[in-house]
Amino acid sequence: MSRTIDADALAAAGEEIVRAIMLASLDFAEGFVRLTTAPFDVAVDADGDGATESYQGVGGLGRLSAIEETSEIQPTSGEMELSGVDPEMISVALGSYYQGRKARIWLGLLDAGHAIIGDPVEIFTGRMDTMKLEVGDTATVTLTVQSRLADWENPRIRRYTNEDQQALYSGDKGLEFVAQTLNKKVNWGGEVID
């Protein structure tokens, strides 16, 4: 994945003290969960759409495994771990629809006043895969994320029938008459085609 790094961020990366943070945006069915490895909340326009979002600081409670980047066409994955979660929040994690939904991770640099320098660099875009829970006095949630290539080998089974179309797009009439064309004879230029 080619990346452009903001000139200010590039200059800050060469400084003697570098304050790097990770930003993660997870698209759960109930809404986005935005977390940062900073020990405080950070407001930033990470995806460049002009809207500033708040990323909740989890500090030492959060961990992100290394996500290998390769030049080969193969899937990559990583893990995000959040420890110290209130056990009451586990029901939210268990009841949320997340599998196959979008996950994005950025690397950002902070200045001495804890403000983002330049634009964060997107280092991963993929999908949420599995969630593992360990429950004790507090809970630990480990979420596995995968690149979109992990889905490459899965078969795409589509039946171009009205029933299949209705299952995906209720009310669409684009394939309404497909079944009638099965044994239809058509006159084409004076010739009958079966």
Foldseek 3Di string as FASTA:
>chain_A
DDWDDDPQQVVLVPDPDWAKKKWKWAQWPVGIQIAMQAQAKAWDPQVPPPDTDIHGHQHPQKDKADWDDDPDLDKIKIKIKGWQAQPVCVVVVVPIDFAFTKMWMWMFTADPVRHTTDHTITDDIFGWHDWDWDDDNIIMIMIMTMHPSVCVPPDDDADLAPVRVCVVPNPDCPRVCVVVVPPDWDQDPNDTDD
